[in-house]
Amino acid sequence: MAAAPLPVQEKLRRIDQQLKDSPTAFFSNAIEEELINDRVFAELYVLADVSPFDRTFVKQRFGDYGLDLIHRMLDLKVLRLGTDGKMSLGQNRAAFSAKAIKKVGLQLVQTYLKPERADEIYANHMALYFENLSEKTYRQWVDIDVQAFEDKMACLKEPGAKGSIPAFTFAIVETLKGPSEHE
């Protein structure tokens, strides 16, 4: 972020949820590249933030590769080791560009979405809809999803909002046009 002009840095500090949650963290493009290129790195990164883990969990879930990877993540200060032996997110973080959001979001959906629980009240939520839209309606859809995400972030500030359920949200509104079809 230090390379960005001062007005851009100030705007990001006001609107970027990562910067609000972790103002002293250092955001690195190199760490983001690790997230994009290594599924295990990405999953451990997310889990470290929401559900700290120990070496036993890593060994059971990811084997020796996972153990080697957590040592590297500790060296990179992406993870930090607590006094209880659990690892949580360290001071060095991924910048989370749109490319990283897509990659990690899709990975979390593939790994953790439980479609068999979709009919259980409050188990999860998923939806899919497609239609030909006017420009105005398309923009409204985008605005609705932006507002929904902002509302989710706002409810995290309420007393008692954070608890023992590790969860994620991943939402998109996108055209069904290929990259070369955009004007």
N, C-alpha and C. Protein backbone atom coordinates (compact mmCIF):
# COMPACT_ATOMS: atom_id res chain seq x y z
N MET A 1 0.82 -1.19 0.00
CA MET A 1 0.00 0.00 0.00
C MET A 1 0.87 1.26 0.00
N ALA A 2 2.07 1.15 0.52
CA ALA A 2 2.95 2.32 0.60
C ALA A 2 3.23 2.93 -0.77
N ALA A 3 3.12 2.12 -1.84
CA ALA A 3 3.37 2.64 -3.18
C ALA A 3 2.21 3.47 -3.71
N ALA A 4 1.05 3.35 -3.09
CA ALA A 4 -0.14 4.09 -3.55
C ALA A 4 -0.04 5.55 -3.13
N PRO A 5 -0.60 6.47 -3.93
CA PRO A 5 -0.63 7.88 -3.54
C PRO A 5 -1.38 8.05 -2.22
N LEU A 6 -1.02 9.08 -1.46
CA LEU A 6 -1.59 9.32 -0.14
C LEU A 6 -3.12 9.36 -0.15
N PRO A 7 -3.78 10.05 -1.10
CA PRO A 7 -5.26 10.04 -1.09
C PRO A 7 -5.85 8.63 -1.25
N VAL A 8 -5.19 7.79 -2.07
CA VAL A 8 -5.65 6.41 -2.25
C VAL A 8 -5.46 5.63 -0.95
N GLN A 9 -4.30 5.80 -0.31
CA GLN A 9 -4.06 5.13 0.97
C GLN A 9 -5.13 5.51 2.00
N GLU A 10 -5.46 6.79 2.07
CA GLU A 10 -6.47 7.26 3.03
C GLU A 10 -7.84 6.67 2.73
N LYS A 11 -8.21 6.62 1.45
CA LYS A 11 -9.50 6.04 1.08
C LYS A 11 -9.54 4.55 1.44
N LEU A 12 -8.47 3.84 1.15
CA LEU A 12 -8.42 2.41 1.48
C LEU A 12 -8.55 2.18 2.98
N ARG A 13 -7.91 3.01 3.78
CA ARG A 13 -8.02 2.86 5.24
C ARG A 13 -9.46 3.05 5.71
N ARG A 14 -10.22 3.88 5.00
CA ARG A 14 -11.62 4.13 5.37
C ARG A 14 -12.55 3.01 4.93
N ILE A 15 -12.31 2.42 3.74
CA ILE A 15 -13.30 1.48 3.19
C ILE A 15 -12.85 0.02 3.16
N ASP A 16 -11.57 -0.28 3.23
CA ASP A 16 -11.10 -1.65 3.11
C ASP A 16 -11.23 -2.37 4.45
N GLN A 17 -12.02 -3.46 4.47
CA GLN A 17 -12.29 -4.17 5.71
C GLN A 17 -11.02 -4.75 6.33
N GLN A 18 -10.11 -5.24 5.50
CA GLN A 18 -8.86 -5.80 6.04
C GLN A 18 -8.06 -4.74 6.79
N LEU A 19 -7.99 -3.55 6.21
CA LEU A 19 -7.23 -2.48 6.86
C LEU A 19 -7.90 -2.02 8.15
N LYS A 20 -9.24 -2.03 8.16
CA LYS A 20 -9.96 -1.65 9.38
C LYS A 20 -9.71 -2.68 10.48
N ASP A 21 -9.77 -3.97 10.12
CA ASP A 21 -9.61 -5.03 11.10
C ASP A 21 -8.18 -5.18 11.59
N SER A 22 -7.22 -4.91 10.72
CA SER A 22 -5.80 -5.14 11.05
C SER A 22 -4.95 -3.97 10.58
N PRO A 23 -5.06 -2.81 11.25
CA PRO A 23 -4.36 -1.62 10.77
C PRO A 23 -2.83 -1.73 10.80
N THR A 24 -2.28 -2.64 11.60
CA THR A 24 -0.83 -2.77 11.67
C THR A 24 -0.28 -3.88 10.77
N ALA A 25 -1.16 -4.59 10.09
CA ALA A 25 -0.71 -5.68 9.22
C ALA A 25 0.00 -5.13 7.99
N PHE A 26 0.89 -5.95 7.46
CA PHE A 26 1.59 -5.61 6.22
C PHE A 26 1.00 -6.48 5.11
N PHE A 27 0.51 -5.85 4.04
CA PHE A 27 -0.14 -6.57 2.96
C PHE A 27 0.83 -6.74 1.80
N SER A 28 1.01 -8.00 1.39
CA SER A 28 2.05 -8.35 0.44
C SER A 28 1.48 -9.02 -0.80
N ASN A 29 1.93 -8.57 -1.95
CA ASN A 29 1.56 -9.22 -3.21
C ASN A 29 2.19 -10.61 -3.32
N ALA A 30 3.37 -10.79 -2.75
CA ALA A 30 4.04 -12.10 -2.80
C ALA A 30 3.22 -13.14 -2.03
N ILE A 31 2.67 -12.74 -0.89
CA ILE A 31 1.85 -13.66 -0.11
C ILE A 31 0.56 -13.96 -0.87
N GLU A 32 0.02 -12.93 -1.52
CA GLU A 32 -1.17 -13.16 -2.34
C GLU A 32 -0.89 -14.18 -3.44
N GLU A 33 0.26 -14.10 -4.07
CA GLU A 33 0.62 -15.07 -5.12
C GLU A 33 0.66 -16.49 -4.55
N GLU A 34 1.15 -16.63 -3.32
CA GLU A 34 1.15 -17.95 -2.67
C GLU A 34 -0.29 -18.46 -2.53
N LEU A 35 -1.20 -17.59 -2.11
CA LEU A 35 -2.61 -17.95 -1.97
C LEU A 35 -3.19 -18.44 -3.29
N ILE A 36 -2.88 -17.71 -4.34
CA ILE A 36 -3.43 -18.02 -5.66
C ILE A 36 -2.87 -19.33 -6.19
N ASN A 37 -1.61 -19.60 -5.93
CA ASN A 37 -0.94 -20.75 -6.54
C ASN A 37 -0.92 -22.02 -5.70
N ASP A 38 -1.30 -21.94 -4.43
CA ASP A 38 -1.21 -23.11 -3.55
C ASP A 38 -2.50 -23.24 -2.73
N ARG A 39 -3.28 -24.24 -3.06
CA ARG A 39 -4.57 -24.46 -2.39
C ARG A 39 -4.41 -24.68 -0.89
N VAL A 40 -3.37 -25.39 -0.49
CA VAL A 40 -3.16 -25.67 0.94
C VAL A 40 -2.79 -24.38 1.66
N PHE A 41 -1.91 -23.58 1.07
CA PHE A 41 -1.54 -22.28 1.64
C PHE A 41 -2.81 -21.44 1.84
N ALA A 42 -3.66 -21.40 0.82
CA ALA A 42 -4.89 -20.60 0.89
C ALA A 42 -5.80 -21.08 2.01
N GLU A 43 -6.00 -22.38 2.10
CA GLU A 43 -6.89 -22.91 3.14
C GLU A 43 -6.32 -22.66 4.54
N LEU A 44 -5.03 -22.87 4.72
CA LEU A 44 -4.42 -22.61 6.02
C LEU A 44 -4.50 -21.13 6.38
N TYR A 45 -4.33 -20.26 5.40
CA TYR A 45 -4.43 -18.82 5.62
C TYR A 45 -5.81 -18.46 6.16
N VAL A 46 -6.85 -18.95 5.49
CA VAL A 46 -8.22 -18.66 5.91
C VAL A 46 -8.50 -19.25 7.29
N LEU A 47 -8.14 -20.51 7.48
CA LEU A 47 -8.41 -21.16 8.77
C LEU A 47 -7.67 -20.48 9.91
N ALA A 48 -6.47 -20.01 9.65
CA ALA A 48 -5.69 -19.33 10.70
C ALA A 48 -6.40 -18.07 11.17
N ASP A 49 -7.17 -17.45 10.29
CA ASP A 49 -7.87 -16.24 10.65
C ASP A 49 -9.15 -16.51 11.44
N VAL A 50 -9.84 -17.61 11.12
CA VAL A 50 -11.13 -17.86 11.75
C VAL A 50 -11.13 -18.98 12.78
N SER A 51 -10.19 -19.88 12.70
CA SER A 51 -10.21 -21.06 13.57
C SER A 51 -8.79 -21.57 13.77
N PRO A 52 -8.02 -20.90 14.64
CA PRO A 52 -6.62 -21.30 14.82
C PRO A 52 -6.48 -22.82 15.02
N PHE A 53 -5.39 -23.34 14.51
CA PHE A 53 -5.17 -24.78 14.47
C PHE A 53 -3.79 -25.13 15.02
N ASP A 54 -3.58 -26.42 15.26
CA ASP A 54 -2.28 -26.88 15.73
C ASP A 54 -1.66 -27.81 14.68
N ARG A 55 -0.44 -28.25 14.97
CA ARG A 55 0.29 -29.10 14.02
C ARG A 55 -0.43 -30.43 13.78
N THR A 56 -1.10 -30.97 14.80
CA THR A 56 -1.81 -32.23 14.65
C THR A 56 -2.90 -32.11 13.58
N PHE A 57 -3.66 -31.03 13.63
CA PHE A 57 -4.69 -30.80 12.62
C PHE A 57 -4.07 -30.75 11.23
N VAL A 58 -2.98 -30.00 11.09
CA VAL A 58 -2.33 -29.84 9.78
C VAL A 58 -1.83 -31.18 9.27
N LYS A 59 -1.21 -31.97 10.13
CA LYS A 59 -0.69 -33.29 9.74
C LYS A 59 -1.84 -34.19 9.27
N GLN A 60 -2.96 -34.19 10.01
CA GLN A 60 -4.10 -35.04 9.64
C GLN A 60 -4.73 -34.60 8.32
N ARG A 61 -4.84 -33.32 8.12
CA ARG A 61 -5.56 -32.81 6.94
C ARG A 61 -4.67 -32.72 5.70
N PHE A 62 -3.39 -32.33 5.89
CA PHE A 62 -2.54 -32.05 4.73
C PHE A 62 -1.24 -32.85 4.69
N GLY A 63 -1.01 -33.69 5.69
CA GLY A 63 0.17 -34.54 5.69
C GLY A 63 1.47 -33.76 5.87
N ASP A 64 2.55 -34.39 5.43
CA ASP A 64 3.88 -33.79 5.59
C ASP A 64 4.00 -32.48 4.82
N TYR A 65 3.32 -32.40 3.66
CA TYR A 65 3.37 -31.15 2.89
C TYR A 65 2.83 -29.99 3.74
N GLY A 66 1.73 -30.22 4.43
CA GLY A 66 1.14 -29.20 5.29
C GLY A 66 2.09 -28.78 6.39
N LEU A 67 2.78 -29.75 7.00
CA LEU A 67 3.73 -29.42 8.06
C LEU A 67 4.89 -28.57 7.52
N ASP A 68 5.41 -28.96 6.35
CA ASP A 68 6.48 -28.16 5.73
C ASP A 68 5.97 -26.75 5.43
N LEU A 69 4.74 -26.67 4.96
CA LEU A 69 4.17 -25.38 4.58
C LEU A 69 3.97 -24.46 5.79
N ILE A 70 3.51 -24.99 6.92
CA ILE A 70 3.32 -24.12 8.08
C ILE A 70 4.64 -23.57 8.58
N HIS A 71 5.72 -24.35 8.44
CA HIS A 71 7.04 -23.82 8.83
C HIS A 71 7.41 -22.64 7.93
N ARG A 72 7.14 -22.77 6.64
CA ARG A 72 7.41 -21.67 5.72
C ARG A 72 6.52 -20.47 6.03
N MET A 73 5.24 -20.72 6.34
CA MET A 73 4.31 -19.64 6.65
C MET A 73 4.71 -18.94 7.95
N LEU A 74 5.24 -19.69 8.90
CA LEU A 74 5.74 -19.07 10.14
C LEU A 74 6.96 -18.20 9.83
N ASP A 75 7.86 -18.71 8.99
CA ASP A 75 9.04 -17.92 8.60
C ASP A 75 8.64 -16.63 7.87
N LEU A 76 7.61 -16.71 7.07
CA LEU A 76 7.12 -15.53 6.32
C LEU A 76 6.28 -14.60 7.20
N LYS A 77 6.03 -15.01 8.43
CA LYS A 77 5.19 -14.27 9.38
C LYS A 77 3.75 -14.15 8.89
N VAL A 78 3.33 -15.11 8.08
CA VAL A 78 1.93 -15.21 7.67
C VAL A 78 1.15 -15.86 8.81
N LEU A 79 1.82 -16.77 9.51
CA LEU A 79 1.26 -17.40 10.71
C LEU A 79 2.07 -16.98 11.91
N ARG A 80 1.39 -17.00 13.06
CA ARG A 80 2.12 -16.81 14.32
C ARG A 80 1.69 -17.93 15.25
N LEU A 81 2.62 -18.37 16.06
CA LEU A 81 2.38 -19.47 16.99
C LEU A 81 2.02 -18.90 18.35
N GLY A 82 0.85 -19.28 18.84
CA GLY A 82 0.40 -18.82 20.15
C GLY A 82 1.00 -19.67 21.26
N THR A 83 0.87 -19.19 22.48
CA THR A 83 1.40 -19.93 23.64
C THR A 83 0.66 -21.25 23.85
N ASP A 84 -0.55 -21.38 23.28
CA ASP A 84 -1.31 -22.62 23.40
C ASP A 84 -0.96 -23.63 22.31
N GLY A 85 0.03 -23.29 21.46
CA GLY A 85 0.45 -24.18 20.39
C GLY A 85 -0.40 -24.06 19.12
N LYS A 86 -1.36 -23.14 19.12
CA LYS A 86 -2.21 -22.95 17.94
C LYS A 86 -1.67 -21.82 17.08
N MET A 87 -1.87 -21.99 15.79
CA MET A 87 -1.40 -20.99 14.83
C MET A 87 -2.56 -20.13 14.36
N SER A 88 -2.31 -18.84 14.32
CA SER A 88 -3.30 -17.89 13.82
C SER A 88 -2.61 -16.98 12.81
N LEU A 89 -3.38 -16.12 12.19
CA LEU A 89 -2.84 -15.25 11.16
C LEU A 89 -1.81 -14.29 11.76
N GLY A 90 -0.68 -14.16 11.09
CA GLY A 90 0.40 -13.30 11.54
C GLY A 90 0.28 -11.89 10.99
N GLN A 91 1.39 -11.16 11.07
CA GLN A 91 1.37 -9.75 10.67
C GLN A 91 1.44 -9.56 9.16
N ASN A 92 1.96 -10.52 8.42
CA ASN A 92 2.06 -10.39 6.97
C ASN A 92 0.85 -11.05 6.33
N ARG A 93 0.14 -10.29 5.49
CA ARG A 93 -1.14 -10.74 4.94
C ARG A 93 -1.15 -10.62 3.42
N ALA A 94 -2.12 -11.29 2.82
CA ALA A 94 -2.34 -11.18 1.37
C ALA A 94 -3.13 -9.91 1.09
N ALA A 95 -2.86 -9.30 -0.04
CA ALA A 95 -3.55 -8.07 -0.42
C ALA A 95 -4.99 -8.33 -0.87
N PHE A 96 -5.30 -9.50 -1.35
CA PHE A 96 -6.62 -9.91 -1.81
C PHE A 96 -7.15 -9.06 -2.96
N SER A 97 -6.50 -9.18 -4.09
CA SER A 97 -6.98 -8.58 -5.34
C SER A 97 -8.22 -9.36 -5.78
N ALA A 98 -8.86 -8.88 -6.83
CA ALA A 98 -10.03 -9.58 -7.38
C ALA A 98 -9.67 -11.00 -7.79
N LYS A 99 -8.48 -11.18 -8.34
CA LYS A 99 -8.03 -12.52 -8.75
C LYS A 99 -7.93 -13.45 -7.54
N ALA A 100 -7.40 -12.96 -6.44
CA ALA A 100 -7.27 -13.78 -5.24
C ALA A 100 -8.64 -14.07 -4.61
N ILE A 101 -9.52 -13.08 -4.62
CA ILE A 101 -10.87 -13.29 -4.08
C ILE A 101 -11.57 -14.40 -4.87
N LYS A 102 -11.46 -14.36 -6.18
CA LYS A 102 -12.09 -15.40 -7.01
C LYS A 102 -11.49 -16.77 -6.68
N LYS A 103 -10.19 -16.87 -6.68
CA LYS A 103 -9.53 -18.16 -6.47
C LYS A 103 -9.87 -18.74 -5.10
N VAL A 104 -9.73 -17.94 -4.04
CA VAL A 104 -9.98 -18.42 -2.69
C VAL A 104 -11.48 -18.66 -2.48
N GLY A 105 -12.32 -17.77 -3.00
CA GLY A 105 -13.76 -17.95 -2.87
C GLY A 105 -14.24 -19.24 -3.52
N LEU A 106 -13.80 -19.50 -4.73
CA LEU A 106 -14.18 -20.74 -5.41
C LEU A 106 -13.66 -21.96 -4.67
N GLN A 107 -12.44 -21.86 -4.14
CA GLN A 107 -11.88 -22.98 -3.38
C GLN A 107 -12.70 -23.26 -2.12
N LEU A 108 -13.09 -22.21 -1.41
CA LEU A 108 -13.90 -22.39 -0.20
C LEU A 108 -15.26 -23.00 -0.54
N VAL A 109 -15.86 -22.56 -1.64
CA VAL A 109 -17.13 -23.14 -2.07
C VAL A 109 -16.94 -24.63 -2.37
N GLN A 110 -15.92 -24.97 -3.13
CA GLN A 110 -15.66 -26.37 -3.48
C GLN A 110 -15.42 -27.23 -2.25
N THR A 111 -14.69 -26.69 -1.29
CA THR A 111 -14.29 -27.48 -0.12
C THR A 111 -15.35 -27.52 0.97
N TYR A 112 -16.03 -26.40 1.22
CA TYR A 112 -16.86 -26.30 2.41
C TYR A 112 -18.37 -26.18 2.19
N LEU A 113 -18.82 -25.81 1.00
CA LEU A 113 -20.26 -25.68 0.80
C LEU A 113 -20.92 -27.05 0.92
N LYS A 114 -21.98 -27.11 1.69
CA LYS A 114 -22.69 -28.35 1.93
C LYS A 114 -24.10 -28.26 1.31
N PRO A 115 -24.24 -28.58 0.02
CA PRO A 115 -25.54 -28.46 -0.64
C PRO A 115 -26.61 -29.35 -0.01
N GLU A 116 -26.20 -30.44 0.58
CA GLU A 116 -27.18 -31.34 1.21
C GLU A 116 -27.86 -30.69 2.41
N ARG A 117 -27.31 -29.59 2.91
CA ARG A 117 -27.91 -28.89 4.05
C ARG A 117 -28.69 -27.64 3.62
N ALA A 118 -28.85 -27.43 2.33
CA ALA A 118 -29.47 -26.20 1.82
C ALA A 118 -30.91 -26.02 2.30
N ASP A 119 -31.61 -27.10 2.58
CA ASP A 119 -33.00 -27.00 3.01
C ASP A 119 -33.15 -26.84 4.53
N GLU A 120 -32.05 -26.93 5.26
CA GLU A 120 -32.10 -26.73 6.71
C GLU A 120 -32.10 -25.23 7.00
N ILE A 121 -32.99 -24.79 7.84
CA ILE A 121 -33.06 -23.37 8.18
C ILE A 121 -31.77 -22.95 8.88
N TYR A 122 -31.16 -21.90 8.39
CA TYR A 122 -29.94 -21.30 8.90
C TYR A 122 -28.70 -22.20 8.79
N ALA A 123 -28.76 -23.26 8.02
CA ALA A 123 -27.56 -24.09 7.83
C ALA A 123 -26.59 -23.39 6.87
N ASN A 124 -27.12 -22.85 5.80
CA ASN A 124 -26.32 -22.09 4.83
C ASN A 124 -27.28 -21.39 3.87
N HIS A 125 -26.73 -20.68 2.94
CA HIS A 125 -27.55 -20.04 1.90
C HIS A 125 -26.79 -20.10 0.60
N MET A 126 -27.49 -20.49 -0.43
CA MET A 126 -26.92 -20.39 -1.77
C MET A 126 -28.06 -20.11 -2.73
N ALA A 127 -27.72 -19.42 -3.79
CA ALA A 127 -28.73 -19.06 -4.77
C ALA A 127 -28.07 -18.92 -6.13
N LEU A 128 -28.85 -19.17 -7.15
CA LEU A 128 -28.37 -19.00 -8.52
C LEU A 128 -29.55 -18.50 -9.35
N TYR A 129 -29.31 -17.46 -10.12
CA TYR A 129 -30.33 -16.95 -11.01
C TYR A 129 -29.63 -16.31 -12.20
N PHE A 130 -30.21 -16.46 -13.35
CA PHE A 130 -29.65 -15.83 -14.54
C PHE A 130 -30.79 -15.27 -15.38
N GLU A 131 -30.53 -14.14 -16.01
CA GLU A 131 -31.56 -13.42 -16.76
C GLU A 131 -30.89 -12.39 -17.66
N ASN A 132 -31.58 -11.96 -18.69
CA ASN A 132 -31.15 -10.81 -19.49
C ASN A 132 -31.63 -9.56 -18.77
N LEU A 133 -30.72 -8.66 -18.45
CA LEU A 133 -31.05 -7.47 -17.66
C LEU A 133 -30.78 -6.19 -18.44
N SER A 134 -31.49 -5.15 -18.07
CA SER A 134 -31.16 -3.82 -18.58
C SER A 134 -29.92 -3.35 -17.81
N GLU A 135 -29.26 -2.33 -18.33
CA GLU A 135 -28.08 -1.76 -17.65
C GLU A 135 -28.47 -1.28 -16.25
N LYS A 136 -29.62 -0.62 -16.14
CA LYS A 136 -30.09 -0.10 -14.86
C LYS A 136 -30.28 -1.23 -13.85
N THR A 137 -30.94 -2.31 -14.25
CA THR A 137 -31.19 -3.43 -13.33
C THR A 137 -29.89 -4.13 -12.96
N TYR A 138 -28.99 -4.28 -13.92
CA TYR A 138 -27.69 -4.89 -13.62
C TYR A 138 -26.97 -4.09 -12.54
N ARG A 139 -26.95 -2.79 -12.70
CA ARG A 139 -26.30 -1.93 -11.70
C ARG A 139 -27.00 -2.05 -10.34
N GLN A 140 -28.32 -2.19 -10.34
CA GLN A 140 -29.04 -2.39 -9.09
C GLN A 140 -28.62 -3.69 -8.42
N TRP A 141 -28.47 -4.75 -9.20
CA TRP A 141 -28.02 -6.03 -8.65
C TRP A 141 -26.66 -5.87 -7.98
N VAL A 142 -25.76 -5.19 -8.67
CA VAL A 142 -24.43 -4.97 -8.09
C VAL A 142 -24.56 -4.17 -6.79
N ASP A 143 -25.33 -3.10 -6.81
CA ASP A 143 -25.52 -2.28 -5.61
C ASP A 143 -26.11 -3.10 -4.45
N ILE A 144 -27.06 -3.97 -4.75
CA ILE A 144 -27.68 -4.80 -3.71
C ILE A 144 -26.63 -5.71 -3.07
N ASP A 145 -25.78 -6.34 -3.89
CA ASP A 145 -24.75 -7.22 -3.32
C ASP A 145 -23.70 -6.44 -2.54
N VAL A 146 -23.33 -5.26 -3.02
CA VAL A 146 -22.39 -4.41 -2.28
C VAL A 146 -22.99 -4.06 -0.92
N GLN A 147 -24.24 -3.66 -0.91
CA GLN A 147 -24.91 -3.30 0.35
C GLN A 147 -25.01 -4.50 1.29
N ALA A 148 -25.33 -5.67 0.74
CA ALA A 148 -25.42 -6.88 1.57
C ALA A 148 -24.08 -7.18 2.23
N PHE A 149 -22.99 -7.04 1.48
CA PHE A 149 -21.66 -7.29 2.06
C PHE A 149 -21.35 -6.27 3.15
N GLU A 150 -21.65 -5.00 2.88
CA GLU A 150 -21.42 -3.96 3.88
C GLU A 150 -22.26 -4.21 5.13
N ASP A 151 -23.48 -4.69 4.95
CA ASP A 151 -24.33 -5.02 6.10
C ASP A 151 -23.74 -6.17 6.91
N LYS A 152 -23.18 -7.15 6.23
CA LYS A 152 -22.54 -8.27 6.93
C LYS A 152 -21.34 -7.77 7.75
N MET A 153 -20.55 -6.88 7.17
CA MET A 153 -19.40 -6.35 7.90
C MET A 153 -19.87 -5.51 9.09
N ALA A 154 -20.94 -4.76 8.92
CA ALA A 154 -21.47 -3.92 10.01
C ALA A 154 -21.97 -4.77 11.16
N CYS A 155 -22.62 -5.89 10.87
CA CYS A 155 -23.15 -6.71 11.97
C CYS A 155 -22.03 -7.34 12.79
N LEU A 156 -20.83 -7.43 12.24
CA LEU A 156 -19.69 -7.96 12.99
C LEU A 156 -19.25 -7.02 14.11
N LYS A 157 -19.68 -5.77 14.04
CA LYS A 157 -19.32 -4.79 15.07
C LYS A 157 -20.27 -4.84 16.26
N GLU A 158 -21.38 -5.56 16.13
CA GLU A 158 -22.36 -5.66 17.21
C GLU A 158 -21.81 -6.53 18.34
N PRO A 159 -22.16 -6.20 19.58
CA PRO A 159 -21.72 -7.02 20.71
C PRO A 159 -22.16 -8.48 20.54
N GLY A 160 -21.25 -9.40 20.79
CA GLY A 160 -21.55 -10.82 20.71
C GLY A 160 -21.58 -11.38 19.30
N ALA A 161 -21.22 -10.59 18.31
CA ALA A 161 -21.30 -11.04 16.92
C ALA A 161 -20.30 -12.15 16.60
N LYS A 162 -19.14 -12.07 17.19
CA LYS A 162 -18.12 -13.07 16.90
C LYS A 162 -18.24 -14.22 17.88
N GLY A 163 -18.12 -15.45 17.36
CA GLY A 163 -18.30 -16.63 18.20
C GLY A 163 -17.51 -17.81 17.71
N SER A 164 -18.08 -18.98 17.81
CA SER A 164 -17.35 -20.22 17.55
C SER A 164 -17.65 -20.85 16.19
N ILE A 165 -18.41 -20.20 15.33
CA ILE A 165 -18.74 -20.78 14.03
C ILE A 165 -17.83 -20.18 12.96
N PRO A 166 -16.86 -20.95 12.46
CA PRO A 166 -16.04 -20.43 11.36
C PRO A 166 -16.90 -20.40 10.09
N ALA A 167 -17.01 -19.25 9.46
CA ALA A 167 -17.90 -19.10 8.31
C ALA A 167 -17.24 -18.23 7.25
N PHE A 168 -17.80 -18.30 6.05
CA PHE A 168 -17.34 -17.42 4.97
C PHE A 168 -18.53 -16.98 4.15
N THR A 169 -18.36 -15.88 3.45
CA THR A 169 -19.35 -15.42 2.49
C THR A 169 -18.61 -15.11 1.20
N PHE A 170 -19.22 -15.44 0.10
CA PHE A 170 -18.62 -15.23 -1.22
C PHE A 170 -19.77 -14.96 -2.18
N ALA A 171 -19.84 -13.77 -2.70
CA ALA A 171 -20.96 -13.41 -3.57
C ALA A 171 -20.44 -12.74 -4.83
N ILE A 172 -21.13 -12.98 -5.92
CA ILE A 172 -20.77 -12.33 -7.18
C ILE A 172 -22.02 -11.95 -7.94
N VAL A 173 -21.90 -10.92 -8.71
CA VAL A 173 -22.83 -10.58 -9.79
C VAL A 173 -21.93 -10.35 -10.98
N GLU A 174 -22.21 -11.02 -12.07
CA GLU A 174 -21.33 -10.92 -13.24
C GLU A 174 -22.16 -11.13 -14.50
N THR A 175 -21.69 -10.57 -15.59
CA THR A 175 -22.34 -10.78 -16.87
C THR A 175 -21.97 -12.17 -17.39
N LEU A 176 -22.76 -12.67 -18.30
CA LEU A 176 -22.46 -13.94 -18.97
C LEU A 176 -21.84 -13.66 -20.33
N LYS A 177 -20.98 -12.66 -20.36
CA LYS A 177 -20.24 -12.30 -21.57
C LYS A 177 -18.79 -12.68 -21.36
N GLY A 178 -18.13 -13.07 -22.43
CA GLY A 178 -16.71 -13.35 -22.35
C GLY A 178 -15.92 -12.06 -22.21
N PRO A 179 -14.65 -12.17 -21.83
CA PRO A 179 -13.84 -10.96 -21.64
C PRO A 179 -13.74 -10.07 -22.87
N SER A 180 -13.78 -10.65 -24.05
CA SER A 180 -13.64 -9.84 -25.28
C SER A 180 -14.98 -9.19 -25.67
N GLU A 181 -16.08 -9.55 -25.02
CA GLU A 181 -17.38 -9.01 -25.38
C GLU A 181 -17.73 -7.73 -24.63
N HIS A 182 -16.91 -7.29 -23.69
CA HIS A 182 -17.21 -6.08 -22.94
C HIS A 182 -16.77 -4.86 -23.74
N GLU A 183 -17.57 -3.83 -23.63
CA GLU A 183 -17.30 -2.62 -24.41
C GLU A 183 -16.31 -1.71 -23.74
